[in-house]
Every structure is written in structure tokens, then in C-alpha cells.
């Protein structure tokens, strides 16, 4: 078995604007110009996405967030919730939340930090996996003084 990662297509941020598409240069980056999903500091915000579980999927479903911030101290609190849907299953099923994680920002600004969430729902090959990524900015443990950027999200699994 090998470990495989596939990109998760992020489709929509939270409706209140606390998850938003951010231009990196507007967040202190000078060498990279791209639009990335982001979360407003000090408030709760979501991004929603989806991916099709590949046919060679066997086990160990995970969602890996790549995070960064223009800061050298602070903690951003993140959580993931998912709902796998097989063919002929209802699209509007409740998501299962995983335990939130407090992510300490690296001591150098703009450094990528990967955070892995192991999924508890039963996932099968061919499922459409709905994913909610939440920044819990109002939580007491969230101390980051700037917005959290999320340049990549992947579904990781073991294949046959």
C-alpha cells in the first residue's frame, strides 16, 4: 500500500464573509501572488469543499490542511467535518466533526504548517466526500493576531 494525496476542490466560503478568497500580497507576501482560501482573525468562519474518493481507496482517510500566516507567534484553531455520500444516498446528510486542533504558528512568518485530521466516518471508494473546514476564531485558544491563510487542502488515503 502507498499513501496518496489528491486536492480537495473548495467550492464556497461561509456566508457571513469570515471565510474569504485572499490575495497573498494583501497579507504581506511579496514574492508570491495568488488567491488562496483565508479566514478572518477572531471570528468563526468556514470553507466548504468536496472530492470523489478514488476507486483505488482502501483505508486511512485523512484531510490535510496547509496553513500559513504573516506572523511569528500565535495559535489558530481549526476543525474539519465530513460527510461521505455513496451513489443513491441523500446529499443533505449531517457532517461528522473531528476534534479541533490548536495550531501553533511557526517562529518564522509565512511558513507552511500542515495539519492532519483523521476521519471517523466510514469512507468507501466512489463516495463523494463533503468537507467543512472551520476556523474557530472565537475560541479562547485562538490567539493569532492576523488572518489564517490556507493555500492547499488534500484528501490523503492508503491505496491498493
C-alpha atoms as a PDB file:
ATOM      1  CA  UNK A   1       0.000   0.000   0.000  1.00  0.00           C
ATOM      2  CA  UNK A   2       1.053   3.561  -0.684  1.00  0.00           C
ATOM      3  CA  UNK A   3      -0.104   6.904   0.694  1.00  0.00           C
ATOM      4  CA  UNK A   4      -1.818   9.093  -1.890  1.00  0.00           C
ATOM      5  CA  UNK A   5      -2.952  12.728  -1.719  1.00  0.00           C
ATOM      6  CA  UNK A   6      -5.491  14.366  -4.014  1.00  0.00           C
ATOM      7  CA  UNK A   7      -6.568  18.028  -3.974  1.00  0.00           C
ATOM      8  CA  UNK A   8      -9.904  18.934  -2.445  1.00  0.00           C
ATOM      9  CA  UNK A   9     -11.903  21.367  -4.531  1.00  0.00           C
ATOM     10  CA  UNK A  10     -13.018  24.205  -2.246  1.00  0.00           C
ATOM     11  CA  UNK A  11     -16.346  25.473  -3.526  1.00  0.00           C
ATOM     12  CA  UNK A  12     -17.753  28.119  -1.179  1.00  0.00           C
ATOM     13  CA  UNK A  13     -16.740  30.121   1.913  1.00  0.00           C
ATOM     14  CA  UNK A  14     -19.016  30.844   4.865  1.00  0.00           C
ATOM     15  CA  UNK A  15     -21.938  33.102   4.023  1.00  0.00           C
ATOM     16  CA  UNK A  16     -21.089  35.740   6.644  1.00  0.00           C
ATOM     17  CA  UNK A  17     -17.759  36.539   4.955  1.00  0.00           C
ATOM     18  CA  UNK A  18     -15.493  35.099   7.676  1.00  0.00           C
ATOM     19  CA  UNK A  19     -14.016  32.691   5.134  1.00  0.00           C
ATOM     20  CA  UNK A  20     -12.901  34.561   2.024  1.00  0.00           C
ATOM     21  CA  UNK A  21     -10.583  34.355  -1.004  1.00  0.00           C
ATOM     22  CA  UNK A  22      -7.421  36.285  -0.087  1.00  0.00           C
ATOM     23  CA  UNK A  23      -4.770  37.791  -2.306  1.00  0.00           C
ATOM     24  CA  UNK A  24      -1.419  36.824  -0.754  1.00  0.00           C
ATOM     25  CA  UNK A  25       0.138  40.208  -1.493  1.00  0.00           C
ATOM     26  CA  UNK A  26      -2.594  41.847   0.604  1.00  0.00           C
ATOM     27  CA  UNK A  27      -1.437  39.675   3.527  1.00  0.00           C
ATOM     28  CA  UNK A  28       2.239  40.673   3.492  1.00  0.00           C
ATOM     29  CA  UNK A  29       3.591  38.273   0.845  1.00  0.00           C
ATOM     30  CA  UNK A  30       5.894  39.932  -1.688  1.00  0.00           C
ATOM     31  CA  UNK A  31       7.223  37.024  -3.790  1.00  0.00           C
ATOM     32  CA  UNK A  32       4.028  35.023  -4.289  1.00  0.00           C
ATOM     33  CA  UNK A  33       0.910  36.417  -5.897  1.00  0.00           C
ATOM     34  CA  UNK A  34      -2.054  34.075  -5.720  1.00  0.00           C
ATOM     35  CA  UNK A  35      -5.565  33.883  -4.363  1.00  0.00           C
ATOM     36  CA  UNK A  36      -5.947  31.411  -1.503  1.00  0.00           C
ATOM     37  CA  UNK A  37      -8.757  30.497   0.895  1.00  0.00           C
ATOM     38  CA  UNK A  38      -8.464  32.501   4.121  1.00  0.00           C
ATOM     39  CA  UNK A  39     -10.166  33.006   7.468  1.00  0.00           C
ATOM     40  CA  UNK A  40     -10.754  36.317   9.274  1.00  0.00           C
ATOM     41  CA  UNK A  41      -8.988  36.533  12.638  1.00  0.00           C
ATOM     42  CA  UNK A  42     -11.011  36.466  15.874  1.00  0.00           C
ATOM     43  CA  UNK A  43     -14.235  35.133  14.298  1.00  0.00           C
ATOM     44  CA  UNK A  44     -15.556  31.721  13.291  1.00  0.00           C
ATOM     45  CA  UNK A  45     -15.511  31.010   9.557  1.00  0.00           C
ATOM     46  CA  UNK A  46     -15.869  28.096   7.159  1.00  0.00           C
ATOM     47  CA  UNK A  47     -14.825  26.870   3.753  1.00  0.00           C
ATOM     48  CA  UNK A  48     -16.729  24.007   2.130  1.00  0.00           C
ATOM     49  CA  UNK A  49     -15.325  21.600  -0.406  1.00  0.00           C
ATOM     50  CA  UNK A  50     -15.688  18.183  -1.923  1.00  0.00           C
ATOM     51  CA  UNK A  51     -13.827  15.380  -3.625  1.00  0.00           C
ATOM     52  CA  UNK A  52     -14.636  11.982  -5.074  1.00  0.00           C
ATOM     53  CA  UNK A  53     -12.989   9.167  -3.142  1.00  0.00           C
ATOM     54  CA  UNK A  54     -10.792   7.418  -5.738  1.00  0.00           C
ATOM     55  CA  UNK A  55     -11.537   3.870  -6.851  1.00  0.00           C
ATOM     56  CA  UNK A  56      -8.167   2.658  -5.508  1.00  0.00           C
ATOM     57  CA  UNK A  57      -9.060   3.893  -1.988  1.00  0.00           C
ATOM     58  CA  UNK A  58      -8.531   1.238   0.707  1.00  0.00           C
ATOM     59  CA  UNK A  59      -8.241   2.878   4.137  1.00  0.00           C
ATOM     60  CA  UNK A  60      -6.933   5.611   6.441  1.00  0.00           C
ATOM     61  CA  UNK A  61      -8.970   8.622   5.263  1.00  0.00           C
ATOM     62  CA  UNK A  62      -7.477  11.973   6.265  1.00  0.00           C
ATOM     63  CA  UNK A  63      -7.844  15.631   5.399  1.00  0.00           C
ATOM     64  CA  UNK A  64      -4.604  17.621   5.435  1.00  0.00           C
ATOM     65  CA  UNK A  65      -4.729  21.416   5.678  1.00  0.00           C
ATOM     66  CA  UNK A  66      -1.715  23.509   4.669  1.00  0.00           C
ATOM     67  CA  UNK A  67      -1.878  26.711   6.700  1.00  0.00           C
ATOM     68  CA  UNK A  68       0.243  29.836   6.917  1.00  0.00           C
ATOM     69  CA  UNK A  69       0.115  33.334   8.368  1.00  0.00           C
ATOM     70  CA  UNK A  70       2.164  36.501   8.282  1.00  0.00           C
ATOM     71  CA  UNK A  71       3.039  36.117  11.969  1.00  0.00           C
ATOM     72  CA  UNK A  72       5.754  34.625  14.182  1.00  0.00           C
ATOM     73  CA  UNK A  73       3.594  33.860  17.235  1.00  0.00           C
ATOM     74  CA  UNK A  74       0.077  32.777  17.948  1.00  0.00           C
ATOM     75  CA  UNK A  75      -2.295  29.850  17.655  1.00  0.00           C
ATOM     76  CA  UNK A  76      -5.026  29.301  15.081  1.00  0.00           C
ATOM     77  CA  UNK A  77      -7.742  26.786  15.993  1.00  0.00           C
ATOM     78  CA  UNK A  78      -9.007  24.635  13.124  1.00  0.00           C
ATOM     79  CA  UNK A  79     -11.508  21.810  12.730  1.00  0.00           C
ATOM     80  CA  UNK A  80     -12.775  19.569   9.947  1.00  0.00           C
ATOM     81  CA  UNK A  81     -16.159  17.876   9.477  1.00  0.00           C
ATOM     82  CA  UNK A  82     -17.071  15.470   6.690  1.00  0.00           C
ATOM     83  CA  UNK A  83     -19.930  13.533   5.162  1.00  0.00           C
ATOM     84  CA  UNK A  84     -19.228  10.679   2.719  1.00  0.00           C
ATOM     85  CA  UNK A  85     -22.116  10.011   0.318  1.00  0.00           C
ATOM     86  CA  UNK A  86     -22.403   6.909  -1.821  1.00  0.00           C
ATOM     87  CA  UNK A  87     -24.437   6.716  -5.012  1.00  0.00           C
ATOM     88  CA  UNK A  88     -28.184   6.943  -4.246  1.00  0.00           C
ATOM     89  CA  UNK A  89     -27.600   8.390  -0.765  1.00  0.00           C
ATOM     90  CA  UNK A  90     -29.102  11.686   0.329  1.00  0.00           C
ATOM     91  CA  UNK A  91     -26.945  14.722  -0.436  1.00  0.00           C
ATOM     92  CA  UNK A  92     -28.084  16.666   2.634  1.00  0.00           C
ATOM     93  CA  UNK A  93     -26.632  14.462   5.381  1.00  0.00           C
ATOM     94  CA  UNK A  94     -25.139  15.818   8.600  1.00  0.00           C
ATOM     95  CA  UNK A  95     -21.373  16.216   8.740  1.00  0.00           C
ATOM     96  CA  UNK A  96     -19.285  14.417  11.380  1.00  0.00           C
ATOM     97  CA  UNK A  97     -16.901  16.767  13.184  1.00  0.00           C
ATOM     98  CA  UNK A  98     -13.398  15.709  14.136  1.00  0.00           C
ATOM     99  CA  UNK A  99     -11.617  17.033  17.217  1.00  0.00           C
ATOM    100  CA  UNK A 100     -10.419  20.619  16.724  1.00  0.00           C
ATOM    101  CA  UNK A 101      -6.684  21.281  16.732  1.00  0.00           C
ATOM    102  CA  UNK A 102      -4.749  24.247  18.087  1.00  0.00           C
ATOM    103  CA  UNK A 103      -2.061  25.009  15.513  1.00  0.00           C
ATOM    104  CA  UNK A 104       0.938  26.992  16.703  1.00  0.00           C
ATOM    105  CA  UNK A 105       2.331  29.307  14.037  1.00  0.00           C
ATOM    106  CA  UNK A 106       5.994  28.587  13.159  1.00  0.00           C
ATOM    107  CA  UNK A 107       8.540  31.083  14.542  1.00  0.00           C
ATOM    108  CA  UNK A 108       9.156  32.392  11.013  1.00  0.00           C
ATOM    109  CA  UNK A 109       6.407  34.331   9.243  1.00  0.00           C
ATOM    110  CA  UNK A 110       4.747  32.889   6.116  1.00  0.00           C
ATOM    111  CA  UNK A 111       5.935  29.325   6.767  1.00  0.00           C
ATOM    112  CA  UNK A 112       3.603  26.493   5.744  1.00  0.00           C
ATOM    113  CA  UNK A 113       2.288  24.268   8.534  1.00  0.00           C
ATOM    114  CA  UNK A 114       0.469  21.041   7.652  1.00  0.00           C
ATOM    115  CA  UNK A 115      -2.286  19.829   9.975  1.00  0.00           C
ATOM    116  CA  UNK A 116      -3.793  16.344   9.595  1.00  0.00           C
ATOM    117  CA  UNK A 117      -7.292  15.256  10.600  1.00  0.00           C
ATOM    118  CA  UNK A 118      -8.057  11.514  10.575  1.00  0.00           C
ATOM    119  CA  UNK A 119     -11.677  10.989   9.550  1.00  0.00           C
ATOM    120  CA  UNK A 120     -14.051   8.905  11.692  1.00  0.00           C
ATOM    121  CA  UNK A 121     -16.956   8.366   9.230  1.00  0.00           C
ATOM    122  CA  UNK A 122     -16.854   5.214   7.107  1.00  0.00           C
ATOM    123  CA  UNK A 123     -15.494   6.226   3.701  1.00  0.00           C
ATOM    124  CA  UNK A 124     -15.652   3.976   0.637  1.00  0.00           C
ATOM    125  CA  UNK A 125     -14.253   4.130  -2.886  1.00  0.00           C
ATOM    126  CA  UNK A 126     -16.517   6.199  -5.110  1.00  0.00           C
ATOM    127  CA  UNK A 127     -18.055   8.230  -2.285  1.00  0.00           C
ATOM    128  CA  UNK A 128     -18.489  11.948  -2.773  1.00  0.00           C
ATOM    129  CA  UNK A 129     -16.842  13.391   0.311  1.00  0.00           C
ATOM    130  CA  UNK A 130     -18.302  16.706   1.506  1.00  0.00           C
ATOM    131  CA  UNK A 131     -15.849  18.642   3.710  1.00  0.00           C
ATOM    132  CA  UNK A 132     -16.334  21.637   6.015  1.00  0.00           C
ATOM    133  CA  UNK A 133     -13.157  23.345   7.212  1.00  0.00           C
ATOM    134  CA  UNK A 134     -13.733  25.643  10.165  1.00  0.00           C
ATOM    135  CA  UNK A 135     -11.543  28.284  11.755  1.00  0.00           C
ATOM    136  CA  UNK A 136     -12.687  28.588  15.377  1.00  0.00           C
ATOM    137  CA  UNK A 137     -11.529  32.174  15.786  1.00  0.00           C
ATOM    138  CA  UNK A 138     -13.728  32.954  18.806  1.00  0.00           C
ATOM    139  CA  UNK A 139     -12.288  30.052  20.833  1.00  0.00           C
ATOM    140  CA  UNK A 140     -10.165  31.120  23.817  1.00  0.00           C
ATOM    141  CA  UNK A 141      -7.178  29.134  22.481  1.00  0.00           C
ATOM    142  CA  UNK A 142      -7.142  31.038  19.167  1.00  0.00           C
ATOM    143  CA  UNK A 143      -4.627  33.850  19.679  1.00  0.00           C
ATOM    144  CA  UNK A 144      -3.402  34.557  16.146  1.00  0.00           C
ATOM    145  CA  UNK A 145      -3.389  38.327  15.527  1.00  0.00           C
ATOM    146  CA  UNK A 146      -3.699  38.041  11.722  1.00  0.00           C
ATOM    147  CA  UNK A 147      -5.862  36.136   9.252  1.00  0.00           C
ATOM    148  CA  UNK A 148      -5.153  32.441   8.641  1.00  0.00           C
ATOM    149  CA  UNK A 149      -4.360  31.511   5.025  1.00  0.00           C
ATOM    150  CA  UNK A 150      -4.915  28.011   3.630  1.00  0.00           C
ATOM    151  CA  UNK A 151      -3.006  27.532   0.361  1.00  0.00           C
ATOM    152  CA  UNK A 152      -3.901  23.848  -0.032  1.00  0.00           C
ATOM    153  CA  UNK A 153      -6.258  21.132   1.221  1.00  0.00           C
ATOM    154  CA  UNK A 154      -5.845  17.463   0.290  1.00  0.00           C
ATOM    155  CA  UNK A 155      -7.585  14.149   0.884  1.00  0.00           C
ATOM    156  CA  UNK A 156      -4.989  11.575   1.945  1.00  0.00           C
ATOM    157  CA  UNK A 157      -5.560   7.816   1.913  1.00  0.00           C
ATOM    158  CA  UNK A 158      -3.919   4.422   1.554  1.00  0.00           C
ATOM    159  CA  UNK A 159      -4.476   2.718  -1.796  1.00  0.00           C
ATOM    160  CA  UNK A 160      -4.403  -0.886  -3.022  1.00  0.00           C
END
